[in-house]
Amino acid sequence: MRRLLIPLLLLTAPVAAEAAPLPATCPADAEQTLYDMETAIRQGTQKDLAPIVELAEWAIETCPDRPDAQAIASTLVSAVMATATTPEELERYITLALTAIQQNDYAWNTKQKPSVLKQADGSEQNYFGYNAATTSLLKYTLPQIVRLGQAGHLHPVISGPPYQGCPYPDHADFRLQEEANFWDRTVKGHYEHPGFGWAETRLNSLYAACPAHRLRLDYYLARLYGQEVEDLTKWSHQYDENAYMAVDRWYWHNPVKGNVSESDMKEAKAELDAIARPLAEKARPHIEVLRHTPRDQIGVYDVGLERIADWDKAVKRLDAPDE
């Protein structure tokens, strides 16, 4: 499957250029026009940023029901994201890309044949737009949302306002799964990092806006919270004999806290339990839904399904009295 990577370093400062006005309605050759721009960027012959953004924005507004046009538009916007000089400009590019990706998703159907587009050498090839738009989401748009947040500017998708509708159509959930996995890779083991809150906000916003995907989001939210609770509450008791230091004693070990002495264990455990309890309360309702749902209905086809029982045990450990 083709994955398009745009060499961003080929883009330089804007140069004035004359261009014919874009049509008011979506023409039959819109995909080819957009793809020609993509080819010019890849070859380094298109160095003026303004026409790239203008063409992408035109396609997003004019061809919303043409999935391949939306895919190429998302690629064009992805190519200019790294050139943004202000948080507001980057936010605008991210919003354009998310709109194009969403419209690609809503317009896509499995019975549709791929567009056949002319290449730079004159040959014709099938264009796999769904793959290209997915690459735009995972390789460029979501990482730039994180980058923007790290600069102190939250994009609306992670700042909390409710969504007007679900960004993922009822009939397709592959990108939802891939986005959830992106957040998992980004924040797993980092409950104290601001990114954990952004992932939490995003997944909860999707949960509220996407009833058709709610069961799958129960899993992603249970994972977000449950695996942190599991790490915080997983203690082991081990004996350590150090002949060189003439020290031998039992140690309690937690993968987050590390080794603590027998006498300090209760204090260390209370500290980590206090961090874990709010996460456990958030995980609990999602775990309960999953526990009472047949596995084949959850729709998550990976070994992570085995972890639901582990998260449930971790949450329930906090209910047990300290020994």
C-alpha atoms as a PDB file:
ATOM      1  CA  MET A   1       0.000   0.000   0.000  1.00  0.00           C
ATOM      2  CA  ARG A   2       1.315   3.363  -1.012  1.00  0.00           C
ATOM      3  CA  ARG A   3       2.354   5.806   1.709  1.00  0.00           C
ATOM      4  CA  LEU A   4       3.074   9.328   0.557  1.00  0.00           C
ATOM      5  CA  LEU A   5       5.860  11.211   2.285  1.00  0.00           C
ATOM      6  CA  ILE A   6       6.303  14.861   1.321  1.00  0.00           C
ATOM      7  CA  PRO A   7       9.867  16.256   1.658  1.00  0.00           C
ATOM      8  CA  LEU A   8       9.094  19.322   3.747  1.00  0.00           C
ATOM      9  CA  LEU A   9      12.585  20.725   3.383  1.00  0.00           C
ATOM     10  CA  LEU A  10      11.838  21.452  -0.275  1.00  0.00           C
ATOM     11  CA  LEU A  11       9.383  24.132   0.747  1.00  0.00           C
ATOM     12  CA  THR A  12      10.826  27.614   1.047  1.00  0.00           C
ATOM     13  CA  ALA A  13       9.523  31.140   1.506  1.00  0.00           C
ATOM     14  CA  PRO A  14       6.605  32.160  -0.726  1.00  0.00           C
ATOM     15  CA  VAL A  15       7.377  33.536  -4.176  1.00  0.00           C
ATOM     16  CA  ALA A  16       4.821  35.607  -6.043  1.00  0.00           C
ATOM     17  CA  ALA A  17       3.080  33.654  -8.811  1.00  0.00           C
ATOM     18  CA  GLU A  18       0.134  34.190 -11.109  1.00  0.00           C
ATOM     19  CA  ALA A  19      -2.560  31.514 -11.143  1.00  0.00           C
ATOM     20  CA  ALA A  20      -5.885  31.070 -12.898  1.00  0.00           C
ATOM     21  CA  PRO A  21      -8.916  31.442 -10.632  1.00  0.00           C
ATOM     22  CA  LEU A  22     -10.191  28.150  -9.258  1.00  0.00           C
ATOM     23  CA  PRO A  23     -13.641  27.002 -10.447  1.00  0.00           C
ATOM     24  CA  ALA A  24     -16.679  27.570  -8.244  1.00  0.00           C
ATOM     25  CA  THR A  25     -17.822  23.951  -8.588  1.00  0.00           C
ATOM     26  CA  CYS A  26     -15.822  20.746  -8.325  1.00  0.00           C
ATOM     27  CA  PRO A  27     -14.553  19.809 -11.812  1.00  0.00           C
ATOM     28  CA  ALA A  28     -14.170  16.274 -13.107  1.00  0.00           C
ATOM     29  CA  ASP A  29     -10.385  16.559 -13.051  1.00  0.00           C
ATOM     30  CA  ALA A  30     -10.101  17.940  -9.499  1.00  0.00           C
ATOM     31  CA  GLU A  31      -8.129  14.923  -8.275  1.00  0.00           C
ATOM     32  CA  GLN A  32      -5.594  15.267 -11.099  1.00  0.00           C
ATOM     33  CA  THR A  33      -5.173  19.001 -10.454  1.00  0.00           C
ATOM     34  CA  LEU A  34      -4.545  18.350  -6.776  1.00  0.00           C
ATOM     35  CA  TYR A  35      -2.209  15.454  -7.513  1.00  0.00           C
ATOM     36  CA  ASP A  36      -0.189  17.570  -9.944  1.00  0.00           C
ATOM     37  CA  MET A  37       0.421  20.001  -7.080  1.00  0.00           C
ATOM     38  CA  GLU A  38       1.460  17.125  -4.835  1.00  0.00           C
ATOM     39  CA  THR A  39       3.880  15.930  -7.507  1.00  0.00           C
ATOM     40  CA  ALA A  40       5.350  19.416  -7.879  1.00  0.00           C
ATOM     41  CA  ILE A  41       5.985  19.588  -4.118  1.00  0.00           C
ATOM     42  CA  ARG A  42       7.648  16.193  -4.136  1.00  0.00           C
ATOM     43  CA  GLN A  43       9.861  17.171  -7.065  1.00  0.00           C
ATOM     44  CA  GLY A  44      10.782  20.505  -5.500  1.00  0.00           C
ATOM     45  CA  THR A  45       9.359  22.629  -8.303  1.00  0.00           C
ATOM     46  CA  GLN A  46       6.538  24.093  -6.153  1.00  0.00           C
ATOM     47  CA  LYS A  47       8.178  26.391  -3.633  1.00  0.00           C
ATOM     48  CA  ASP A  48       5.416  28.938  -3.082  1.00  0.00           C
ATOM     49  CA  LEU A  49       3.322  27.955  -0.082  1.00  0.00           C
ATOM     50  CA  ALA A  50       0.314  30.161  -0.731  1.00  0.00           C
ATOM     51  CA  PRO A  51      -0.990  28.291  -3.835  1.00  0.00           C
ATOM     52  CA  ILE A  52      -0.636  24.974  -2.016  1.00  0.00           C
ATOM     53  CA  VAL A  53      -2.838  26.110   0.865  1.00  0.00           C
ATOM     54  CA  GLU A  54      -5.248  27.871  -1.494  1.00  0.00           C
ATOM     55  CA  LEU A  55      -5.712  24.763  -3.633  1.00  0.00           C
ATOM     56  CA  ALA A  56      -6.194  22.506  -0.621  1.00  0.00           C
ATOM     57  CA  GLU A  57      -8.710  24.864   0.967  1.00  0.00           C
ATOM     58  CA  TRP A  58     -10.586  25.160  -2.339  1.00  0.00           C
ATOM     59  CA  ALA A  59     -10.872  21.364  -2.610  1.00  0.00           C
ATOM     60  CA  ILE A  60     -12.037  21.034   0.996  1.00  0.00           C
ATOM     61  CA  GLU A  61     -14.801  23.581   0.414  1.00  0.00           C
ATOM     62  CA  THR A  62     -15.721  22.679  -3.179  1.00  0.00           C
ATOM     63  CA  CYS A  63     -15.333  18.876  -3.367  1.00  0.00           C
ATOM     64  CA  PRO A  64     -16.441  17.595   0.067  1.00  0.00           C
ATOM     65  CA  ASP A  65     -17.994  14.408  -1.348  1.00  0.00           C
ATOM     66  CA  ARG A  66     -14.978  13.393  -3.448  1.00  0.00           C
ATOM     67  CA  PRO A  67     -12.910  11.163  -1.155  1.00  0.00           C
ATOM     68  CA  ASP A  68      -9.720  11.139  -3.219  1.00  0.00           C
ATOM     69  CA  ALA A  69      -9.804  14.914  -3.622  1.00  0.00           C
ATOM     70  CA  GLN A  70     -10.074  15.194   0.157  1.00  0.00           C
ATOM     71  CA  ALA A  71      -7.199  12.762   0.643  1.00  0.00           C
ATOM     72  CA  ILE A  72      -4.888  14.761  -1.607  1.00  0.00           C
ATOM     73  CA  ALA A  73      -6.009  18.001   0.040  1.00  0.00           C
ATOM     74  CA  SER A  74      -5.038  16.556   3.425  1.00  0.00           C
ATOM     75  CA  THR A  75      -1.628  15.648   2.001  1.00  0.00           C
ATOM     76  CA  LEU A  76      -1.105  19.168   0.663  1.00  0.00           C
ATOM     77  CA  VAL A  77      -1.944  20.693   4.042  1.00  0.00           C
ATOM     78  CA  SER A  78       0.333  18.182   5.771  1.00  0.00           C
ATOM     79  CA  ALA A  79       3.175  19.352   3.534  1.00  0.00           C
ATOM     80  CA  VAL A  80       2.964  22.920   4.844  1.00  0.00           C
ATOM     81  CA  MET A  81       2.276  22.255   8.538  1.00  0.00           C
ATOM     82  CA  ALA A  82       5.917  22.369   9.569  1.00  0.00           C
ATOM     83  CA  THR A  83       6.313  25.798   7.936  1.00  0.00           C
ATOM     84  CA  ALA A  84       3.781  27.491  10.239  1.00  0.00           C
ATOM     85  CA  THR A  85       5.339  30.468  12.009  1.00  0.00           C
ATOM     86  CA  THR A  86       2.610  31.116  14.614  1.00  0.00           C
ATOM     87  CA  PRO A  87       0.394  28.875  16.768  1.00  0.00           C
ATOM     88  CA  GLU A  88      -2.665  30.357  15.073  1.00  0.00           C
ATOM     89  CA  GLU A  89      -1.342  29.457  11.632  1.00  0.00           C
ATOM     90  CA  LEU A  90      -0.546  25.901  12.698  1.00  0.00           C
ATOM     91  CA  GLU A  91      -3.989  25.563  14.280  1.00  0.00           C
ATOM     92  CA  ARG A  92      -5.562  26.636  10.982  1.00  0.00           C
ATOM     93  CA  TYR A  93      -3.559  24.037   9.025  1.00  0.00           C
ATOM     94  CA  ILE A  94      -4.480  21.322  11.515  1.00  0.00           C
ATOM     95  CA  THR A  95      -8.170  22.216  11.252  1.00  0.00           C
ATOM     96  CA  LEU A  96      -8.020  22.135   7.440  1.00  0.00           C
ATOM     97  CA  ALA A  97      -6.336  18.723   7.495  1.00  0.00           C
ATOM     98  CA  LEU A  98      -8.817  17.295  10.011  1.00  0.00           C
ATOM     99  CA  THR A  99     -11.701  18.551   7.877  1.00  0.00           C
ATOM    100  CA  ALA A 100     -10.284  16.953   4.741  1.00  0.00           C
ATOM    101  CA  ILE A 101      -9.595  13.661   6.545  1.00  0.00           C
ATOM    102  CA  GLN A 102     -13.099  13.598   8.022  1.00  0.00           C
ATOM    103  CA  GLN A 103     -14.690  14.321   4.637  1.00  0.00           C
ATOM    104  CA  ASN A 104     -12.571  11.596   3.050  1.00  0.00           C
ATOM    105  CA  ASP A 105     -13.841   9.183   5.716  1.00  0.00           C
ATOM    106  CA  TYR A 106     -17.491  10.128   5.316  1.00  0.00           C
ATOM    107  CA  ALA A 107     -17.389  10.039   1.505  1.00  0.00           C
ATOM    108  CA  TRP A 108     -15.422   6.817   1.257  1.00  0.00           C
ATOM    109  CA  ASN A 109     -17.047   3.491   0.451  1.00  0.00           C
ATOM    110  CA  THR A 110     -15.467   0.121  -0.174  1.00  0.00           C
ATOM    111  CA  LYS A 111     -17.188  -0.362  -3.550  1.00  0.00           C
ATOM    112  CA  GLN A 112     -15.640   2.774  -4.993  1.00  0.00           C
ATOM    113  CA  LYS A 113     -12.808   2.279  -7.463  1.00  0.00           C
ATOM    114  CA  PRO A 114      -9.616   4.253  -6.838  1.00  0.00           C
ATOM    115  CA  SER A 115      -8.885   7.282  -8.980  1.00  0.00           C
ATOM    116  CA  VAL A 116      -6.483   6.682 -11.857  1.00  0.00           C
ATOM    117  CA  LEU A 117      -4.010   9.558 -11.911  1.00  0.00           C
ATOM    118  CA  LYS A 118      -1.272  10.529 -14.333  1.00  0.00           C
ATOM    119  CA  GLN A 119       2.223  10.390 -12.884  1.00  0.00           C
ATOM    120  CA  ALA A 120       5.151  12.682 -13.606  1.00  0.00           C
ATOM    121  CA  ASP A 121       6.522  10.209 -16.176  1.00  0.00           C
ATOM    122  CA  GLY A 122       3.209  10.117 -18.052  1.00  0.00           C
ATOM    123  CA  SER A 123       2.121   6.700 -16.772  1.00  0.00           C
ATOM    124  CA  GLU A 124      -1.166   6.180 -14.958  1.00  0.00           C
ATOM    125  CA  GLN A 125      -1.553   4.568 -11.553  1.00  0.00           C
ATOM    126  CA  ASN A 126      -4.314   3.868  -9.060  1.00  0.00           C
ATOM    127  CA  TYR A 127      -4.411   6.363  -6.219  1.00  0.00           C
ATOM    128  CA  PHE A 128      -5.189   4.897  -2.785  1.00  0.00           C
ATOM    129  CA  GLY A 129      -6.710   7.928  -1.114  1.00  0.00           C
ATOM    130  CA  TYR A 130      -7.839   6.266   2.089  1.00  0.00           C
ATOM    131  CA  ASN A 131      -4.263   5.254   2.861  1.00  0.00           C
ATOM    132  CA  ALA A 132      -2.948   8.741   2.072  1.00  0.00           C
ATOM    133  CA  ALA A 133      -5.498  10.471   4.322  1.00  0.00           C
ATOM    134  CA  THR A 134      -4.753   8.020   7.129  1.00  0.00           C
ATOM    135  CA  THR A 135      -1.050   8.857   6.786  1.00  0.00           C
ATOM    136  CA  SER A 136      -1.914  12.557   6.989  1.00  0.00           C
ATOM    137  CA  LEU A 137      -3.788  11.937  10.241  1.00  0.00           C
ATOM    138  CA  LEU A 138      -1.254   9.724  11.989  1.00  0.00           C
ATOM    139  CA  LYS A 139       2.086  11.011  10.706  1.00  0.00           C
ATOM    140  CA  TYR A 140       1.373  14.730  10.539  1.00  0.00           C
ATOM    141  CA  THR A 141      -1.881  16.035  12.006  1.00  0.00           C
ATOM    142  CA  LEU A 142      -2.008  14.284  15.390  1.00  0.00           C
ATOM    143  CA  PRO A 143       1.716  14.835  16.095  1.00  0.00           C
ATOM    144  CA  GLN A 144       1.284  18.532  15.244  1.00  0.00           C
ATOM    145  CA  ILE A 145      -1.631  18.742  17.687  1.00  0.00           C
ATOM    146  CA  VAL A 146       0.743  17.450  20.363  1.00  0.00           C
ATOM    147  CA  ARG A 147       3.470  19.857  19.238  1.00  0.00           C
ATOM    148  CA  LEU A 148       1.041  22.754  19.424  1.00  0.00           C
ATOM    149  CA  GLY A 149      -0.049  21.707  22.913  1.00  0.00           C
ATOM    150  CA  GLN A 150       3.551  21.499  24.070  1.00  0.00           C
ATOM    151  CA  ALA A 151       3.956  25.113  22.907  1.00  0.00           C
ATOM    152  CA  GLY A 152       1.079  26.087  25.207  1.00  0.00           C
ATOM    153  CA  HIS A 153      -1.631  26.403  22.544  1.00  0.00           C
ATOM    154  CA  LEU A 154      -4.395  23.791  22.647  1.00  0.00           C
ATOM    155  CA  HIS A 155      -6.212  22.934  19.453  1.00  0.00           C
ATOM    156  CA  PRO A 156     -10.007  22.806  19.994  1.00  0.00           C
ATOM    157  CA  VAL A 157     -10.072  19.017  19.546  1.00  0.00           C
ATOM    158  CA  ILE A 158      -8.155  18.622  22.825  1.00  0.00           C
ATOM    159  CA  SER A 159      -9.263  21.725  24.712  1.00  0.00           C
ATOM    160  CA  GLY A 160     -12.721  20.467  25.642  1.00  0.00           C
ATOM    161  CA  PRO A 161     -15.538  22.097  23.608  1.00  0.00           C
ATOM    162  CA  PRO A 162     -18.177  19.510  22.606  1.00  0.00           C
ATOM    163  CA  TYR A 163     -18.123  18.369  18.995  1.00  0.00           C
ATOM    164  CA  GLN A 164     -21.036  19.167  16.692  1.00  0.00           C
ATOM    165  CA  GLY A 165     -20.869  15.652  15.318  1.00  0.00           C
ATOM    166  CA  CYS A 166     -18.691  12.564  15.291  1.00  0.00           C
ATOM    167  CA  PRO A 167     -15.539  13.017  13.183  1.00  0.00           C
ATOM    168  CA  TYR A 168     -15.656   9.320  12.335  1.00  0.00           C
ATOM    169  CA  PRO A 169     -18.590   7.919  10.325  1.00  0.00           C
ATOM    170  CA  ASP A 170     -20.686   5.095  11.725  1.00  0.00           C
ATOM    171  CA  HIS A 171     -19.580   2.727   8.964  1.00  0.00           C
ATOM    172  CA  ALA A 172     -15.811   3.095   9.505  1.00  0.00           C
ATOM    173  CA  ASP A 173     -13.758   2.750  12.670  1.00  0.00           C
ATOM    174  CA  PHE A 174     -10.246   1.909  11.447  1.00  0.00           C
ATOM    175  CA  ARG A 175      -8.965   5.474  11.879  1.00  0.00           C
ATOM    176  CA  LEU A 176     -10.604   5.760  15.282  1.00  0.00           C
ATOM    177  CA  GLN A 177      -8.654   2.696  16.383  1.00  0.00           C
ATOM    178  CA  GLU A 178      -5.430   4.074  14.903  1.00  0.00           C
ATOM    179  CA  GLU A 179      -5.928   7.442  16.584  1.00  0.00           C
ATOM    180  CA  ALA A 180      -6.575   5.775  19.950  1.00  0.00           C
ATOM    181  CA  ASN A 181      -3.403   3.735  19.470  1.00  0.00           C
ATOM    182  CA  PHE A 182      -1.494   6.941  18.685  1.00  0.00           C
ATOM    183  CA  TRP A 183      -2.584   8.451  21.992  1.00  0.00           C
ATOM    184  CA  ASP A 184      -1.717   5.206  23.772  1.00  0.00           C
ATOM    185  CA  ARG A 185       1.818   5.241  22.350  1.00  0.00           C
ATOM    186  CA  THR A 186       2.172   8.911  23.250  1.00  0.00           C
ATOM    187  CA  VAL A 187       1.017   8.879  26.887  1.00  0.00           C
ATOM    188  CA  LYS A 188       1.265   5.305  28.191  1.00  0.00           C
ATOM    189  CA  GLY A 189       3.080   5.396  31.517  1.00  0.00           C
ATOM    190  CA  HIS A 190       2.932   9.203  31.668  1.00  0.00           C
ATOM    191  CA  TYR A 191      -0.202   9.944  33.699  1.00  0.00           C
ATOM    192  CA  GLU A 192       1.510  13.049  35.067  1.00  0.00           C
ATOM    193  CA  HIS A 193       2.241  14.513  31.609  1.00  0.00           C
ATOM    194  CA  PRO A 194      -0.091  17.165  30.063  1.00  0.00           C
ATOM    195  CA  GLY A 195      -0.466  14.871  27.059  1.00  0.00           C
ATOM    196  CA  PHE A 196      -2.357  12.391  29.225  1.00  0.00           C
ATOM    197  CA  GLY A 197      -5.008  15.042  29.810  1.00  0.00           C
ATOM    198  CA  TRP A 198      -5.181  15.836  26.098  1.00  0.00           C
ATOM    199  CA  ALA A 199      -5.699  12.158  25.271  1.00  0.00           C
ATOM    200  CA  GLU A 200      -8.328  11.931  28.005  1.00  0.00           C
ATOM    201  CA  THR A 201     -10.173  14.984  26.681  1.00  0.00           C
ATOM    202  CA  ARG A 202     -10.056  13.764  23.094  1.00  0.00           C
ATOM    203  CA  LEU A 203     -11.289  10.246  23.864  1.00  0.00           C
ATOM    204  CA  ASN A 204     -14.055  11.500  26.145  1.00  0.00           C
ATOM    205  CA  SER A 205     -15.160  14.030  23.509  1.00  0.00           C
ATOM    206  CA  LEU A 206     -15.318  11.233  20.952  1.00  0.00           C
ATOM    207  CA  TYR A 207     -17.240   9.105  23.453  1.00  0.00           C
ATOM    208  CA  ALA A 208     -19.875  11.836  23.783  1.00  0.00           C
ATOM    209  CA  ALA A 209     -20.078  12.587  20.051  1.00  0.00           C
ATOM    210  CA  CYS A 210     -19.858   9.074  18.570  1.00  0.00           C
ATOM    211  CA  PRO A 211     -22.606   6.777  19.916  1.00  0.00           C
ATOM    212  CA  ALA A 212     -21.977   4.246  17.144  1.00  0.00           C
ATOM    213  CA  HIS A 213     -18.395   3.799  18.395  1.00  0.00           C
ATOM    214  CA  ARG A 214     -19.075   4.028  22.119  1.00  0.00           C
ATOM    215  CA  LEU A 215     -18.329   0.398  22.937  1.00  0.00           C
ATOM    216  CA  ARG A 216     -14.959   0.595  21.248  1.00  0.00           C
ATOM    217  CA  LEU A 217     -14.244   3.849  23.088  1.00  0.00           C
ATOM    218  CA  ASP A 218     -15.144   2.093  26.356  1.00  0.00           C
ATOM    219  CA  TYR A 219     -12.147  -0.107  25.633  1.00  0.00           C
ATOM    220  CA  TYR A 220      -9.813   2.777  24.783  1.00  0.00           C
ATOM    221  CA  LEU A 221     -10.786   4.709  27.924  1.00  0.00           C
ATOM    222  CA  ALA A 222     -10.513   1.600  30.099  1.00  0.00           C
ATOM    223  CA  ARG A 223      -7.024   1.111  28.660  1.00  0.00           C
ATOM    224  CA  LEU A 224      -6.029   4.753  29.161  1.00  0.00           C
ATOM    225  CA  TYR A 225      -6.860   4.675  32.870  1.00  0.00           C
ATOM    226  CA  GLY A 226      -6.613   0.973  33.697  1.00  0.00           C
ATOM    227  CA  GLN A 227      -3.028   0.387  32.633  1.00  0.00           C
ATOM    228  CA  GLU A 228      -1.892   3.334  34.777  1.00  0.00           C
ATOM    229  CA  VAL A 229      -3.760   1.955  37.781  1.00  0.00           C
ATOM    230  CA  GLU A 230      -2.187  -1.439  37.148  1.00  0.00           C
ATOM    231  CA  ASP A 231       1.333   0.028  37.167  1.00  0.00           C
ATOM    232  CA  LEU A 232       0.691   2.089  40.282  1.00  0.00           C
ATOM    233  CA  THR A 233      -0.738  -0.808  42.283  1.00  0.00           C
ATOM    234  CA  LYS A 234       1.429  -3.728  41.144  1.00  0.00           C
ATOM    235  CA  TRP A 235       3.710  -4.424  44.122  1.00  0.00           C
ATOM    236  CA  SER A 236       6.077  -7.344  44.525  1.00  0.00           C
ATOM    237  CA  HIS A 237       7.972  -8.489  47.625  1.00  0.00           C
ATOM    238  CA  GLN A 238      11.529  -9.680  47.149  1.00  0.00           C
ATOM    239  CA  TYR A 239      14.568 -10.487  49.258  1.00  0.00           C
ATOM    240  CA  ASP A 240      17.881  -8.837  48.397  1.00  0.00           C
ATOM    241  CA  GLU A 241      21.195  -9.937  49.862  1.00  0.00           C
ATOM    242  CA  ASN A 242      24.203  -7.727  49.205  1.00  0.00           C
ATOM    243  CA  ALA A 243      27.329  -9.357  50.668  1.00  0.00           C
ATOM    244  CA  TYR A 244      29.594  -6.444  49.661  1.00  0.00           C
ATOM    245  CA  MET A 245      27.465  -3.916  51.573  1.00  0.00           C
ATOM    246  CA  ALA A 246      26.662  -6.417  54.312  1.00  0.00           C
ATOM    247  CA  VAL A 247      22.966  -5.686  53.809  1.00  0.00           C
ATOM    248  CA  ASP A 248      20.222  -8.232  53.509  1.00  0.00           C
ATOM    249  CA  ARG A 249      16.558  -7.359  53.714  1.00  0.00           C
ATOM    250  CA  TRP A 250      13.164  -7.650  52.102  1.00  0.00           C
ATOM    251  CA  TYR A 251      12.205  -4.931  49.629  1.00  0.00           C
ATOM    252  CA  TRP A 252       8.851  -3.938  48.186  1.00  0.00           C
ATOM    253  CA  HIS A 253       8.985  -3.005  44.520  1.00  0.00           C
ATOM    254  CA  ASN A 254       6.576  -1.017  42.358  1.00  0.00           C
ATOM    255  CA  PRO A 255       7.491  -0.380  38.706  1.00  0.00           C
ATOM    256  CA  VAL A 256       6.643   3.320  39.111  1.00  0.00           C
ATOM    257  CA  LYS A 257       8.139   3.950  42.547  1.00  0.00           C
ATOM    258  CA  GLY A 258      11.033   1.495  42.537  1.00  0.00           C
ATOM    259  CA  ASN A 259      12.403  -0.352  45.574  1.00  0.00           C
ATOM    260  CA  VAL A 260      11.408   0.780  49.050  1.00  0.00           C
ATOM    261  CA  SER A 261      12.340  -0.735  52.390  1.00  0.00           C
ATOM    262  CA  GLU A 262       9.977  -2.862  54.410  1.00  0.00           C
ATOM    263  CA  SER A 263       9.434  -0.056  56.909  1.00  0.00           C
ATOM    264  CA  ASP A 264       8.670   2.538  54.213  1.00  0.00           C
ATOM    265  CA  MET A 265       6.390   0.344  52.100  1.00  0.00           C
ATOM    266  CA  LYS A 266       3.060   1.412  53.589  1.00  0.00           C
ATOM    267  CA  GLU A 267       3.871   5.087  53.197  1.00  0.00           C
ATOM    268  CA  ALA A 268       5.028   4.638  49.588  1.00  0.00           C
ATOM    269  CA  LYS A 269       2.012   2.505  48.764  1.00  0.00           C
ATOM    270  CA  ALA A 270      -0.380   5.072  50.229  1.00  0.00           C
ATOM    271  CA  GLU A 271       1.247   7.752  48.067  1.00  0.00           C
ATOM    272  CA  LEU A 272       0.808   5.774  44.853  1.00  0.00           C
ATOM    273  CA  ASP A 273      -2.681   4.565  45.800  1.00  0.00           C
ATOM    274  CA  ALA A 274      -3.719   8.199  46.209  1.00  0.00           C
ATOM    275  CA  ILE A 275      -2.613   8.848  42.621  1.00  0.00           C
ATOM    276  CA  ALA A 276      -4.292   5.682  41.358  1.00  0.00           C
ATOM    277  CA  ARG A 277      -7.731   6.110  42.952  1.00  0.00           C
ATOM    278  CA  PRO A 278      -9.034   8.950  40.725  1.00  0.00           C
ATOM    279  CA  LEU A 279      -7.822   7.050  37.656  1.00  0.00           C
ATOM    280  CA  ALA A 280      -9.505   3.885  38.931  1.00  0.00           C
ATOM    281  CA  GLU A 281     -12.820   5.689  39.372  1.00  0.00           C
ATOM    282  CA  LYS A 282     -12.639   6.870  35.767  1.00  0.00           C
ATOM    283  CA  ALA A 283     -11.735   3.400  34.540  1.00  0.00           C
ATOM    284  CA  ARG A 284     -14.396   1.572  36.552  1.00  0.00           C
ATOM    285  CA  PRO A 285     -17.541   2.313  34.465  1.00  0.00           C
ATOM    286  CA  HIS A 286     -15.794   1.464  31.196  1.00  0.00           C
ATOM    287  CA  ILE A 287     -14.388  -1.773  32.582  1.00  0.00           C
ATOM    288  CA  GLU A 288     -17.827  -2.749  33.865  1.00  0.00           C
ATOM    289  CA  VAL A 289     -19.314  -2.274  30.383  1.00  0.00           C
ATOM    290  CA  LEU A 290     -16.585  -4.429  28.853  1.00  0.00           C
ATOM    291  CA  ARG A 291     -16.903  -7.164  31.492  1.00  0.00           C
ATOM    292  CA  HIS A 292     -20.582  -7.590  30.625  1.00  0.00           C
ATOM    293  CA  THR A 293     -20.109  -7.482  26.853  1.00  0.00           C
ATOM    294  CA  PRO A 294     -19.290 -10.548  24.730  1.00  0.00           C
ATOM    295  CA  ARG A 295     -15.702 -10.263  23.537  1.00  0.00           C
ATOM    296  CA  ASP A 296     -16.634 -10.538  19.869  1.00  0.00           C
ATOM    297  CA  GLN A 297     -18.861  -7.464  20.178  1.00  0.00           C
ATOM    298  CA  ILE A 298     -16.183  -5.152  21.561  1.00  0.00           C
ATOM    299  CA  GLY A 299     -14.569  -4.890  18.152  1.00  0.00           C
ATOM    300  CA  VAL A 300     -10.953  -4.683  19.318  1.00  0.00           C
ATOM    301  CA  TYR A 301      -9.054  -7.444  17.584  1.00  0.00           C
ATOM    302  CA  ASP A 302      -5.765  -7.575  19.442  1.00  0.00           C
ATOM    303  CA  VAL A 303      -4.188  -9.201  22.467  1.00  0.00           C
ATOM    304  CA  GLY A 304      -5.241  -6.166  24.493  1.00  0.00           C
ATOM    305  CA  LEU A 305      -8.591  -7.830  25.110  1.00  0.00           C
ATOM    306  CA  GLU A 306      -6.772 -10.070  27.572  1.00  0.00           C
ATOM    307  CA  ARG A 307      -5.837  -6.983  29.579  1.00  0.00           C
ATOM    308  CA  ILE A 308      -9.406  -6.099  30.576  1.00  0.00           C
ATOM    309  CA  ALA A 309      -9.275  -8.620  33.435  1.00  0.00           C
ATOM    310  CA  ASP A 310      -5.903  -7.210  34.560  1.00  0.00           C
ATOM    311  CA  TRP A 311      -7.279  -3.654  34.697  1.00  0.00           C
ATOM    312  CA  ASP A 312     -10.317  -4.895  36.603  1.00  0.00           C
ATOM    313  CA  LYS A 313      -8.085  -6.601  39.197  1.00  0.00           C
ATOM    314  CA  ALA A 314      -5.976  -3.447  39.534  1.00  0.00           C
ATOM    315  CA  VAL A 315      -9.016  -1.264  40.155  1.00  0.00           C
ATOM    316  CA  LYS A 316     -10.370  -3.728  42.723  1.00  0.00           C
ATOM    317  CA  ARG A 317      -7.024  -3.874  44.553  1.00  0.00           C
ATOM    318  CA  LEU A 318      -7.719  -0.326  45.693  1.00  0.00           C
ATOM    319  CA  ASP A 319     -10.950  -1.503  47.343  1.00  0.00           C
ATOM    320  CA  ALA A 320      -9.089  -4.011  49.531  1.00  0.00           C
ATOM    321  CA  PRO A 321      -7.957  -2.861  53.002  1.00  0.00           C
ATOM    322  CA  ASP A 322      -4.208  -2.412  53.457  1.00  0.00           C
ATOM    323  CA  GLU A 323      -2.523  -5.299  55.192  1.00  0.00           C
END
